[in-house]
Amino acid sequence: MTRRVEAGSAALILVDFQERFAGAVSGFDAAVSRACVLASMAQILAIKTVVTEQYPQGLGVTVSPLATALGDFTPLEKTVFPATRAEGFDLGGATAAIVAGVEAHVCVAQTVLDLLDAEIEVHVVADAVASRSHADKDSALARMRAEGAVVTTTEAILFELTGGSSHPQFKALQGLVK
């Protein structure tokens, strides 16, 4: 059963938005831009955020625009593909996960599959994921949807979390997408 995502039960997972992917991954800059919006959203709504870096010694650290949007953060370093298997990975009791990152068909997909196996409700943010090829991204999104993940967009998540203009943070969140 698919439910609306709520700030009080959600965590944001940002998977491997790293320097070396910038020139190699199709749509990387656009995905980073949307991830920055998600990071700001999480700060405004006090949503736990988990950031991973795949082998940072070789792939570099989290890209500067996202690091700036995140503020003070400590990424989880990993050498396994699923973020869920990184040492120290913890959703803090969240029952839903909002997932963005690269590459959609590798680390993001494997993270999503692990979360679904753990009975976590997963919302994959399609405009905040990327892969080297469009075919890989499209295939990954189709698979994640078929496995039970909700495939959504940054703006849809923002407005779903507010529920309407009466939400106390509506104006702040609306400003992120205008």
N, C-alpha and C. Protein backbone atom coordinates (compact mmCIF):
# COMPACT_ATOMS: atom_id res chain seq x y z
N MET A 1 0.84 -1.19 0.00
CA MET A 1 0.00 0.00 0.00
C MET A 1 0.88 1.25 0.00
N THR A 2 0.59 2.18 -0.86
CA THR A 2 1.35 3.41 -0.95
C THR A 2 0.64 4.50 -0.15
N ARG A 3 1.41 5.15 0.70
CA ARG A 3 0.88 6.25 1.49
C ARG A 3 1.61 7.53 1.12
N ARG A 4 1.06 8.62 1.57
CA ARG A 4 1.76 9.89 1.41
C ARG A 4 2.95 9.91 2.35
N VAL A 5 4.01 10.50 1.90
CA VAL A 5 5.19 10.64 2.75
C VAL A 5 4.94 11.80 3.72
N GLU A 6 5.35 11.61 4.97
CA GLU A 6 5.19 12.63 6.00
C GLU A 6 6.54 12.92 6.63
N ALA A 7 6.78 14.19 6.93
CA ALA A 7 8.07 14.61 7.46
C ALA A 7 8.45 13.88 8.74
N GLY A 8 7.48 13.63 9.60
CA GLY A 8 7.78 13.00 10.88
C GLY A 8 8.20 11.55 10.81
N SER A 9 7.96 10.92 9.66
CA SER A 9 8.32 9.50 9.54
C SER A 9 9.32 9.24 8.42
N ALA A 10 9.86 10.30 7.83
CA ALA A 10 10.73 10.13 6.66
C ALA A 10 12.18 10.47 6.95
N ALA A 11 13.05 9.88 6.14
CA ALA A 11 14.46 10.23 6.10
C ALA A 11 14.82 10.50 4.64
N LEU A 12 15.80 11.36 4.42
CA LEU A 12 16.31 11.65 3.09
C LEU A 12 17.64 10.94 2.92
N ILE A 13 17.80 10.20 1.83
CA ILE A 13 19.06 9.52 1.54
C ILE A 13 19.61 10.08 0.24
N LEU A 14 20.79 10.68 0.32
CA LEU A 14 21.47 11.25 -0.85
C LEU A 14 22.68 10.38 -1.16
N VAL A 15 22.61 9.66 -2.27
CA VAL A 15 23.58 8.63 -2.60
C VAL A 15 24.63 9.13 -3.60
N ASP A 16 25.85 9.27 -3.15
CA ASP A 16 27.04 9.39 -4.00
C ASP A 16 27.04 10.54 -5.02
N PHE A 17 26.66 11.71 -4.60
CA PHE A 17 26.75 12.90 -5.47
C PHE A 17 28.19 13.42 -5.41
N GLN A 18 29.09 12.75 -6.12
CA GLN A 18 30.53 13.01 -5.97
C GLN A 18 31.17 13.61 -7.22
N GLU A 19 32.32 14.24 -6.98
CA GLU A 19 33.02 15.02 -8.00
C GLU A 19 33.30 14.25 -9.30
N ARG A 20 33.77 13.03 -9.21
CA ARG A 20 34.18 12.30 -10.41
C ARG A 20 33.00 11.91 -11.31
N PHE A 21 31.81 11.94 -10.76
CA PHE A 21 30.63 11.63 -11.58
C PHE A 21 30.21 12.82 -12.45
N ALA A 22 30.68 14.01 -12.10
CA ALA A 22 30.21 15.23 -12.76
C ALA A 22 30.34 15.18 -14.28
N GLY A 23 31.45 14.74 -14.80
CA GLY A 23 31.64 14.72 -16.24
C GLY A 23 31.18 13.45 -16.92
N ALA A 24 30.89 12.44 -16.13
CA ALA A 24 30.62 11.12 -16.71
C ALA A 24 29.14 10.72 -16.71
N VAL A 25 28.36 11.35 -15.86
CA VAL A 25 26.97 10.94 -15.68
C VAL A 25 26.03 11.92 -16.37
N SER A 26 25.18 11.40 -17.23
CA SER A 26 24.20 12.21 -17.96
C SER A 26 23.18 12.81 -16.99
N GLY A 27 22.99 14.11 -17.07
CA GLY A 27 22.01 14.77 -16.21
C GLY A 27 22.50 15.01 -14.79
N PHE A 28 23.80 14.89 -14.58
CA PHE A 28 24.34 15.02 -13.22
C PHE A 28 24.04 16.39 -12.61
N ASP A 29 24.33 17.46 -13.34
CA ASP A 29 24.13 18.81 -12.79
C ASP A 29 22.67 19.06 -12.42
N ALA A 30 21.75 18.61 -13.25
CA ALA A 30 20.32 18.78 -12.95
C ALA A 30 19.94 17.99 -11.71
N ALA A 31 20.47 16.78 -11.57
CA ALA A 31 20.17 15.96 -10.39
C ALA A 31 20.74 16.60 -9.14
N VAL A 32 21.94 17.17 -9.23
CA VAL A 32 22.54 17.87 -8.09
C VAL A 32 21.68 19.06 -7.70
N SER A 33 21.21 19.81 -8.67
CA SER A 33 20.35 20.96 -8.40
C SER A 33 19.11 20.55 -7.62
N ARG A 34 18.47 19.46 -8.03
CA ARG A 34 17.28 18.97 -7.34
C ARG A 34 17.65 18.43 -5.95
N ALA A 35 18.81 17.78 -5.85
CA ALA A 35 19.26 17.27 -4.54
C ALA A 35 19.49 18.42 -3.57
N CYS A 36 19.97 19.55 -4.07
CA CYS A 36 20.14 20.73 -3.22
C CYS A 36 18.80 21.21 -2.67
N VAL A 37 17.78 21.18 -3.50
CA VAL A 37 16.43 21.53 -3.05
C VAL A 37 15.97 20.55 -1.97
N LEU A 38 16.20 19.26 -2.20
CA LEU A 38 15.81 18.25 -1.21
C LEU A 38 16.56 18.45 0.11
N ALA A 39 17.84 18.78 0.03
CA ALA A 39 18.63 19.01 1.25
C ALA A 39 18.08 20.21 2.02
N SER A 40 17.76 21.28 1.32
CA SER A 40 17.17 22.46 1.98
C SER A 40 15.82 22.12 2.59
N MET A 41 15.01 21.35 1.86
CA MET A 41 13.71 20.91 2.36
C MET A 41 13.88 20.14 3.66
N ALA A 42 14.85 19.23 3.68
CA ALA A 42 15.07 18.40 4.87
C ALA A 42 15.48 19.26 6.06
N GLN A 43 16.28 20.29 5.82
CA GLN A 43 16.66 21.18 6.92
C GLN A 43 15.45 21.95 7.44
N ILE A 44 14.65 22.48 6.55
CA ILE A 44 13.46 23.25 6.95
C ILE A 44 12.50 22.39 7.76
N LEU A 45 12.33 21.14 7.36
CA LEU A 45 11.36 20.24 8.01
C LEU A 45 11.98 19.33 9.06
N ALA A 46 13.26 19.50 9.34
CA ALA A 46 13.99 18.68 10.32
C ALA A 46 13.89 17.18 10.00
N ILE A 47 14.09 16.85 8.72
CA ILE A 47 14.09 15.46 8.28
C ILE A 47 15.52 14.94 8.33
N LYS A 48 15.69 13.79 8.96
CA LYS A 48 17.02 13.18 9.04
C LYS A 48 17.56 12.97 7.63
N THR A 49 18.83 13.31 7.44
CA THR A 49 19.46 13.17 6.13
C THR A 49 20.70 12.29 6.25
N VAL A 50 20.78 11.31 5.36
CA VAL A 50 21.94 10.42 5.27
C VAL A 50 22.61 10.69 3.92
N VAL A 51 23.91 10.96 3.95
CA VAL A 51 24.68 11.23 2.74
C VAL A 51 25.77 10.18 2.63
N THR A 52 25.91 9.58 1.44
CA THR A 52 26.98 8.60 1.25
C THR A 52 27.95 9.05 0.18
N GLU A 53 29.16 8.51 0.29
CA GLU A 53 30.20 8.70 -0.71
C GLU A 53 30.82 7.35 -1.02
N GLN A 54 30.78 6.97 -2.28
CA GLN A 54 31.36 5.71 -2.74
C GLN A 54 32.86 5.91 -2.99
N TYR A 55 33.69 5.21 -2.23
CA TYR A 55 35.14 5.25 -2.40
C TYR A 55 35.63 6.67 -2.71
N PRO A 56 35.54 7.59 -1.73
CA PRO A 56 35.88 8.99 -1.98
C PRO A 56 37.34 9.22 -2.37
N GLN A 57 38.23 8.29 -2.01
CA GLN A 57 39.63 8.44 -2.41
C GLN A 57 39.78 8.42 -3.93
N GLY A 58 38.90 7.72 -4.61
CA GLY A 58 38.96 7.63 -6.06
C GLY A 58 37.91 8.46 -6.77
N LEU A 59 36.74 8.62 -6.15
CA LEU A 59 35.63 9.31 -6.81
C LEU A 59 35.40 10.73 -6.29
N GLY A 60 36.22 11.15 -5.33
CA GLY A 60 36.08 12.49 -4.79
C GLY A 60 34.98 12.58 -3.74
N VAL A 61 34.82 13.77 -3.22
CA VAL A 61 33.86 14.01 -2.15
C VAL A 61 32.55 14.54 -2.73
N THR A 62 31.59 14.76 -1.86
CA THR A 62 30.30 15.34 -2.26
C THR A 62 30.54 16.67 -2.96
N VAL A 63 29.86 16.87 -4.09
CA VAL A 63 30.08 18.09 -4.88
C VAL A 63 29.73 19.33 -4.08
N SER A 64 30.45 20.39 -4.38
CA SER A 64 30.37 21.63 -3.61
C SER A 64 28.96 22.21 -3.46
N PRO A 65 28.15 22.31 -4.53
CA PRO A 65 26.82 22.90 -4.34
C PRO A 65 25.97 22.12 -3.33
N LEU A 66 26.06 20.81 -3.37
CA LEU A 66 25.28 20.01 -2.43
C LEU A 66 25.86 20.10 -1.03
N ALA A 67 27.17 20.08 -0.91
CA ALA A 67 27.80 20.22 0.40
C ALA A 67 27.38 21.54 1.05
N THR A 68 27.33 22.59 0.26
CA THR A 68 26.89 23.90 0.77
C THR A 68 25.44 23.84 1.23
N ALA A 69 24.58 23.23 0.43
CA ALA A 69 23.16 23.12 0.78
C ALA A 69 22.97 22.29 2.05
N LEU A 70 23.81 21.29 2.24
CA LEU A 70 23.69 20.42 3.41
C LEU A 70 24.19 21.09 4.68
N GLY A 71 25.13 22.00 4.56
CA GLY A 71 25.71 22.63 5.74
C GLY A 71 26.64 21.66 6.44
N ASP A 72 26.47 21.52 7.74
CA ASP A 72 27.33 20.64 8.53
C ASP A 72 26.84 19.20 8.38
N PHE A 73 27.62 18.36 7.71
CA PHE A 73 27.23 16.97 7.52
C PHE A 73 28.47 16.08 7.52
N THR A 74 28.27 14.84 7.86
CA THR A 74 29.33 13.85 7.81
C THR A 74 28.87 12.72 6.90
N PRO A 75 29.49 12.58 5.73
CA PRO A 75 29.07 11.52 4.83
C PRO A 75 29.52 10.15 5.33
N LEU A 76 28.75 9.14 4.96
CA LEU A 76 29.15 7.76 5.23
C LEU A 76 29.97 7.29 4.04
N GLU A 77 31.21 6.89 4.30
CA GLU A 77 32.05 6.35 3.24
C GLU A 77 31.70 4.89 3.04
N LYS A 78 31.71 4.46 1.77
CA LYS A 78 31.37 3.07 1.49
C LYS A 78 32.15 2.55 0.29
N THR A 79 32.29 1.25 0.25
CA THR A 79 32.87 0.58 -0.92
C THR A 79 31.90 -0.46 -1.46
N VAL A 80 30.75 -0.58 -0.83
CA VAL A 80 29.67 -1.45 -1.31
C VAL A 80 28.69 -0.56 -2.07
N PHE A 81 27.90 -1.14 -2.95
CA PHE A 81 26.99 -0.32 -3.74
C PHE A 81 25.78 0.19 -2.95
N PRO A 82 25.06 -0.64 -2.21
CA PRO A 82 23.88 -0.11 -1.50
C PRO A 82 24.29 0.79 -0.32
N ALA A 83 23.70 1.96 -0.23
CA ALA A 83 23.95 2.85 0.91
C ALA A 83 23.58 2.18 2.22
N THR A 84 22.58 1.33 2.17
CA THR A 84 22.08 0.65 3.36
C THR A 84 23.13 -0.24 4.01
N ARG A 85 24.14 -0.62 3.27
CA ARG A 85 25.18 -1.51 3.81
C ARG A 85 26.44 -0.76 4.21
N ALA A 86 26.40 0.56 4.15
CA ALA A 86 27.53 1.37 4.61
C ALA A 86 27.59 1.32 6.13
N GLU A 87 28.79 1.26 6.65
CA GLU A 87 28.95 1.25 8.11
C GLU A 87 28.36 2.54 8.68
N GLY A 88 27.51 2.39 9.69
CA GLY A 88 26.89 3.54 10.33
C GLY A 88 25.56 3.97 9.72
N PHE A 89 25.10 3.28 8.68
CA PHE A 89 23.83 3.64 8.06
C PHE A 89 22.70 3.47 9.06
N ASP A 90 21.90 4.52 9.24
CA ASP A 90 20.81 4.49 10.22
C ASP A 90 19.76 5.51 9.81
N LEU A 91 18.54 5.06 9.69
CA LEU A 91 17.44 5.96 9.33
C LEU A 91 16.80 6.61 10.55
N GLY A 92 17.30 6.32 11.72
CA GLY A 92 16.77 6.96 12.92
C GLY A 92 15.32 6.64 13.19
N GLY A 93 14.89 5.45 12.83
CA GLY A 93 13.51 5.04 13.09
C GLY A 93 12.52 5.43 12.01
N ALA A 94 12.98 6.07 10.95
CA ALA A 94 12.08 6.46 9.86
C ALA A 94 11.47 5.23 9.21
N THR A 95 10.22 5.35 8.83
CA THR A 95 9.53 4.25 8.15
C THR A 95 9.37 4.51 6.65
N ALA A 96 9.83 5.68 6.23
CA ALA A 96 9.79 6.05 4.81
C ALA A 96 11.12 6.69 4.45
N ALA A 97 11.55 6.47 3.21
CA ALA A 97 12.80 7.05 2.73
C ALA A 97 12.56 7.77 1.42
N ILE A 98 13.13 8.96 1.33
CA ILE A 98 13.15 9.75 0.10
C ILE A 98 14.56 9.58 -0.45
N VAL A 99 14.68 9.03 -1.65
CA VAL A 99 16.00 8.64 -2.16
C VAL A 99 16.34 9.38 -3.44
N ALA A 100 17.58 9.90 -3.48
CA ALA A 100 18.12 10.56 -4.67
C ALA A 100 19.58 10.18 -4.79
N GLY A 101 20.13 10.24 -6.00
CA GLY A 101 21.56 9.96 -6.12
C GLY A 101 21.98 9.43 -7.46
N VAL A 102 23.23 8.98 -7.50
CA VAL A 102 23.84 8.39 -8.68
C VAL A 102 24.56 7.10 -8.28
N GLU A 103 24.73 6.19 -9.14
CA GLU A 103 24.01 6.07 -10.37
C GLU A 103 22.72 5.33 -10.12
N ALA A 104 21.68 5.72 -10.85
CA ALA A 104 20.34 5.18 -10.62
C ALA A 104 20.30 3.66 -10.72
N HIS A 105 21.02 3.11 -11.67
CA HIS A 105 20.94 1.67 -11.93
C HIS A 105 21.89 0.83 -11.07
N VAL A 106 22.73 1.48 -10.28
CA VAL A 106 23.68 0.74 -9.45
C VAL A 106 23.39 1.04 -7.98
N CYS A 107 24.04 2.05 -7.43
CA CYS A 107 23.94 2.32 -5.99
C CYS A 107 22.53 2.73 -5.56
N VAL A 108 21.85 3.54 -6.36
CA VAL A 108 20.50 3.96 -5.99
C VAL A 108 19.56 2.76 -6.01
N ALA A 109 19.56 2.00 -7.09
CA ALA A 109 18.66 0.85 -7.20
C ALA A 109 18.91 -0.17 -6.10
N GLN A 110 20.18 -0.47 -5.82
CA GLN A 110 20.47 -1.46 -4.80
C GLN A 110 20.08 -0.96 -3.40
N THR A 111 20.22 0.34 -3.18
CA THR A 111 19.76 0.94 -1.92
C THR A 111 18.25 0.79 -1.79
N VAL A 112 17.54 1.13 -2.84
CA VAL A 112 16.08 1.05 -2.84
C VAL A 112 15.61 -0.38 -2.61
N LEU A 113 16.22 -1.34 -3.27
CA LEU A 113 15.83 -2.74 -3.09
C LEU A 113 16.04 -3.20 -1.65
N ASP A 114 17.16 -2.80 -1.05
CA ASP A 114 17.39 -3.14 0.36
C ASP A 114 16.34 -2.51 1.27
N LEU A 115 16.01 -1.25 1.01
CA LEU A 115 15.00 -0.57 1.83
C LEU A 115 13.65 -1.25 1.70
N LEU A 116 13.28 -1.60 0.49
CA LEU A 116 12.01 -2.30 0.28
C LEU A 116 12.01 -3.65 0.98
N ASP A 117 13.13 -4.36 0.93
CA ASP A 117 13.24 -5.64 1.64
C ASP A 117 13.06 -5.46 3.14
N ALA A 118 13.48 -4.28 3.65
CA ALA A 118 13.34 -3.97 5.08
C ALA A 118 11.97 -3.38 5.41
N GLU A 119 11.07 -3.39 4.43
CA GLU A 119 9.71 -2.87 4.57
C GLU A 119 9.65 -1.38 4.87
N ILE A 120 10.62 -0.65 4.31
CA ILE A 120 10.62 0.81 4.35
C ILE A 120 9.87 1.29 3.11
N GLU A 121 8.98 2.24 3.28
CA GLU A 121 8.29 2.86 2.15
C GLU A 121 9.29 3.76 1.43
N VAL A 122 9.47 3.57 0.14
CA VAL A 122 10.50 4.29 -0.60
C VAL A 122 9.90 5.20 -1.66
N HIS A 123 10.39 6.44 -1.68
CA HIS A 123 10.02 7.44 -2.67
C HIS A 123 11.30 7.83 -3.41
N VAL A 124 11.42 7.40 -4.66
CA VAL A 124 12.59 7.71 -5.48
C VAL A 124 12.30 8.99 -6.25
N VAL A 125 13.18 9.96 -6.12
CA VAL A 125 12.96 11.26 -6.74
C VAL A 125 13.60 11.25 -8.14
N ALA A 126 12.76 11.06 -9.15
CA ALA A 126 13.23 10.82 -10.52
C ALA A 126 14.09 11.95 -11.07
N ASP A 127 13.76 13.19 -10.74
CA ASP A 127 14.55 14.31 -11.27
C ASP A 127 15.80 14.58 -10.45
N ALA A 128 16.04 13.76 -9.43
CA ALA A 128 17.24 13.89 -8.60
C ALA A 128 18.06 12.60 -8.60
N VAL A 129 17.87 11.79 -9.63
CA VAL A 129 18.73 10.62 -9.85
C VAL A 129 19.30 10.71 -11.26
N ALA A 130 20.45 10.09 -11.46
CA ALA A 130 21.09 10.12 -12.78
C ALA A 130 21.94 8.88 -12.97
N SER A 131 22.19 8.58 -14.24
CA SER A 131 23.07 7.47 -14.64
C SER A 131 23.88 7.93 -15.84
N ARG A 132 24.88 7.14 -16.20
CA ARG A 132 25.70 7.47 -17.36
C ARG A 132 24.86 7.54 -18.63
N SER A 133 23.87 6.68 -18.74
CA SER A 133 23.02 6.69 -19.93
C SER A 133 21.55 6.84 -19.53
N HIS A 134 20.78 7.42 -20.43
CA HIS A 134 19.34 7.55 -20.19
C HIS A 134 18.68 6.19 -20.08
N ALA A 135 19.15 5.23 -20.87
CA ALA A 135 18.57 3.88 -20.82
C ALA A 135 18.75 3.26 -19.45
N ASP A 136 19.94 3.43 -18.85
CA ASP A 136 20.18 2.89 -17.51
C ASP A 136 19.26 3.54 -16.48
N LYS A 137 19.12 4.87 -16.56
CA LYS A 137 18.24 5.57 -15.62
C LYS A 137 16.80 5.13 -15.80
N ASP A 138 16.33 5.11 -17.04
CA ASP A 138 14.94 4.73 -17.30
C ASP A 138 14.65 3.30 -16.84
N SER A 139 15.57 2.40 -17.13
CA SER A 139 15.42 1.01 -16.72
C SER A 139 15.39 0.88 -15.20
N ALA A 140 16.27 1.61 -14.54
CA ALA A 140 16.33 1.56 -13.08
C ALA A 140 15.04 2.08 -12.45
N LEU A 141 14.53 3.20 -12.96
CA LEU A 141 13.28 3.75 -12.42
C LEU A 141 12.12 2.79 -12.64
N ALA A 142 12.08 2.16 -13.81
CA ALA A 142 11.02 1.18 -14.08
C ALA A 142 11.12 0.00 -13.13
N ARG A 143 12.33 -0.48 -12.91
CA ARG A 143 12.50 -1.62 -12.01
C ARG A 143 12.11 -1.26 -10.58
N MET A 144 12.59 -0.09 -10.11
CA MET A 144 12.28 0.31 -8.74
C MET A 144 10.78 0.46 -8.55
N ARG A 145 10.10 1.03 -9.53
CA ARG A 145 8.64 1.16 -9.47
C ARG A 145 7.98 -0.22 -9.43
N ALA A 146 8.44 -1.12 -10.28
CA ALA A 146 7.87 -2.48 -10.33
C ALA A 146 8.08 -3.23 -9.02
N GLU A 147 9.17 -2.93 -8.34
CA GLU A 147 9.48 -3.59 -7.07
C GLU A 147 8.69 -2.99 -5.90
N GLY A 148 8.04 -1.83 -6.12
CA GLY A 148 7.20 -1.27 -5.07
C GLY A 148 7.55 0.13 -4.62
N ALA A 149 8.58 0.74 -5.20
CA ALA A 149 8.92 2.11 -4.84
C ALA A 149 7.98 3.09 -5.53
N VAL A 150 7.74 4.21 -4.89
CA VAL A 150 7.00 5.31 -5.50
C VAL A 150 8.02 6.15 -6.26
N VAL A 151 7.80 6.38 -7.54
CA VAL A 151 8.67 7.24 -8.32
C VAL A 151 7.98 8.60 -8.43
N THR A 152 8.68 9.64 -7.99
CA THR A 152 8.08 10.96 -7.85
C THR A 152 9.06 12.02 -8.33
N THR A 153 8.77 13.27 -8.02
CA THR A 153 9.67 14.38 -8.37
C THR A 153 9.92 15.24 -7.14
N THR A 154 10.91 16.09 -7.27
CA THR A 154 11.26 16.99 -6.16
C THR A 154 10.07 17.86 -5.76
N GLU A 155 9.46 18.50 -6.73
CA GLU A 155 8.34 19.39 -6.41
C GLU A 155 7.17 18.62 -5.81
N ALA A 156 6.89 17.43 -6.32
CA ALA A 156 5.79 16.62 -5.78
C ALA A 156 6.05 16.28 -4.31
N ILE A 157 7.27 15.91 -3.99
CA ILE A 157 7.63 15.58 -2.60
C ILE A 157 7.45 16.80 -1.70
N LEU A 158 7.97 17.96 -2.14
CA LEU A 158 7.85 19.18 -1.34
C LEU A 158 6.40 19.47 -0.98
N PHE A 159 5.54 19.43 -1.98
CA PHE A 159 4.15 19.79 -1.72
C PHE A 159 3.38 18.68 -1.02
N GLU A 160 3.79 17.45 -1.21
CA GLU A 160 3.17 16.35 -0.46
C GLU A 160 3.49 16.48 1.02
N LEU A 161 4.71 16.88 1.34
CA LEU A 161 5.10 17.03 2.74
C LEU A 161 4.37 18.17 3.44
N THR A 162 3.94 19.18 2.70
CA THR A 162 3.21 20.29 3.34
C THR A 162 1.72 20.01 3.44
N GLY A 163 1.16 19.34 2.44
CA GLY A 163 -0.27 19.06 2.45
C GLY A 163 -1.13 20.25 2.07
N GLY A 164 -0.54 21.43 1.99
CA GLY A 164 -1.31 22.61 1.61
C GLY A 164 -0.68 23.88 2.14
N SER A 165 -1.27 25.00 1.75
CA SER A 165 -0.70 26.30 2.10
C SER A 165 -0.83 26.65 3.57
N SER A 166 -1.60 25.88 4.33
CA SER A 166 -1.73 26.17 5.77
C SER A 166 -0.55 25.61 6.58
N HIS A 167 0.29 24.81 5.96
CA HIS A 167 1.46 24.26 6.65
C HIS A 167 2.37 25.42 7.07
N PRO A 168 2.89 25.42 8.30
CA PRO A 168 3.71 26.54 8.76
C PRO A 168 4.98 26.79 7.93
N GLN A 169 5.47 25.79 7.23
CA GLN A 169 6.68 25.96 6.42
C GLN A 169 6.38 26.03 4.92
N PHE A 170 5.11 26.18 4.56
CA PHE A 170 4.73 26.17 3.15
C PHE A 170 5.48 27.23 2.34
N LYS A 171 5.50 28.46 2.81
CA LYS A 171 6.13 29.54 2.05
C LYS A 171 7.62 29.28 1.86
N ALA A 172 8.28 28.80 2.92
CA ALA A 172 9.72 28.51 2.82
C ALA A 172 9.98 27.42 1.80
N LEU A 173 9.15 26.38 1.81
CA LEU A 173 9.33 25.28 0.86
C LEU A 173 8.96 25.70 -0.55
N GLN A 174 7.90 26.47 -0.69
CA GLN A 174 7.48 26.95 -2.00
C GLN A 174 8.61 27.78 -2.63
N GLY A 175 9.30 28.54 -1.81
CA GLY A 175 10.41 29.35 -2.30
C GLY A 175 11.55 28.53 -2.88
N LEU A 176 11.65 27.28 -2.50
CA LEU A 176 12.72 26.42 -3.02
C LEU A 176 12.50 26.02 -4.47
N VAL A 177 11.26 26.05 -4.92
CA VAL A 177 10.96 25.60 -6.29
C VAL A 177 10.47 26.73 -7.20
N LYS A 178 10.48 27.93 -6.72
CA LYS A 178 10.06 29.07 -7.56
C LYS A 178 11.26 29.73 -8.19
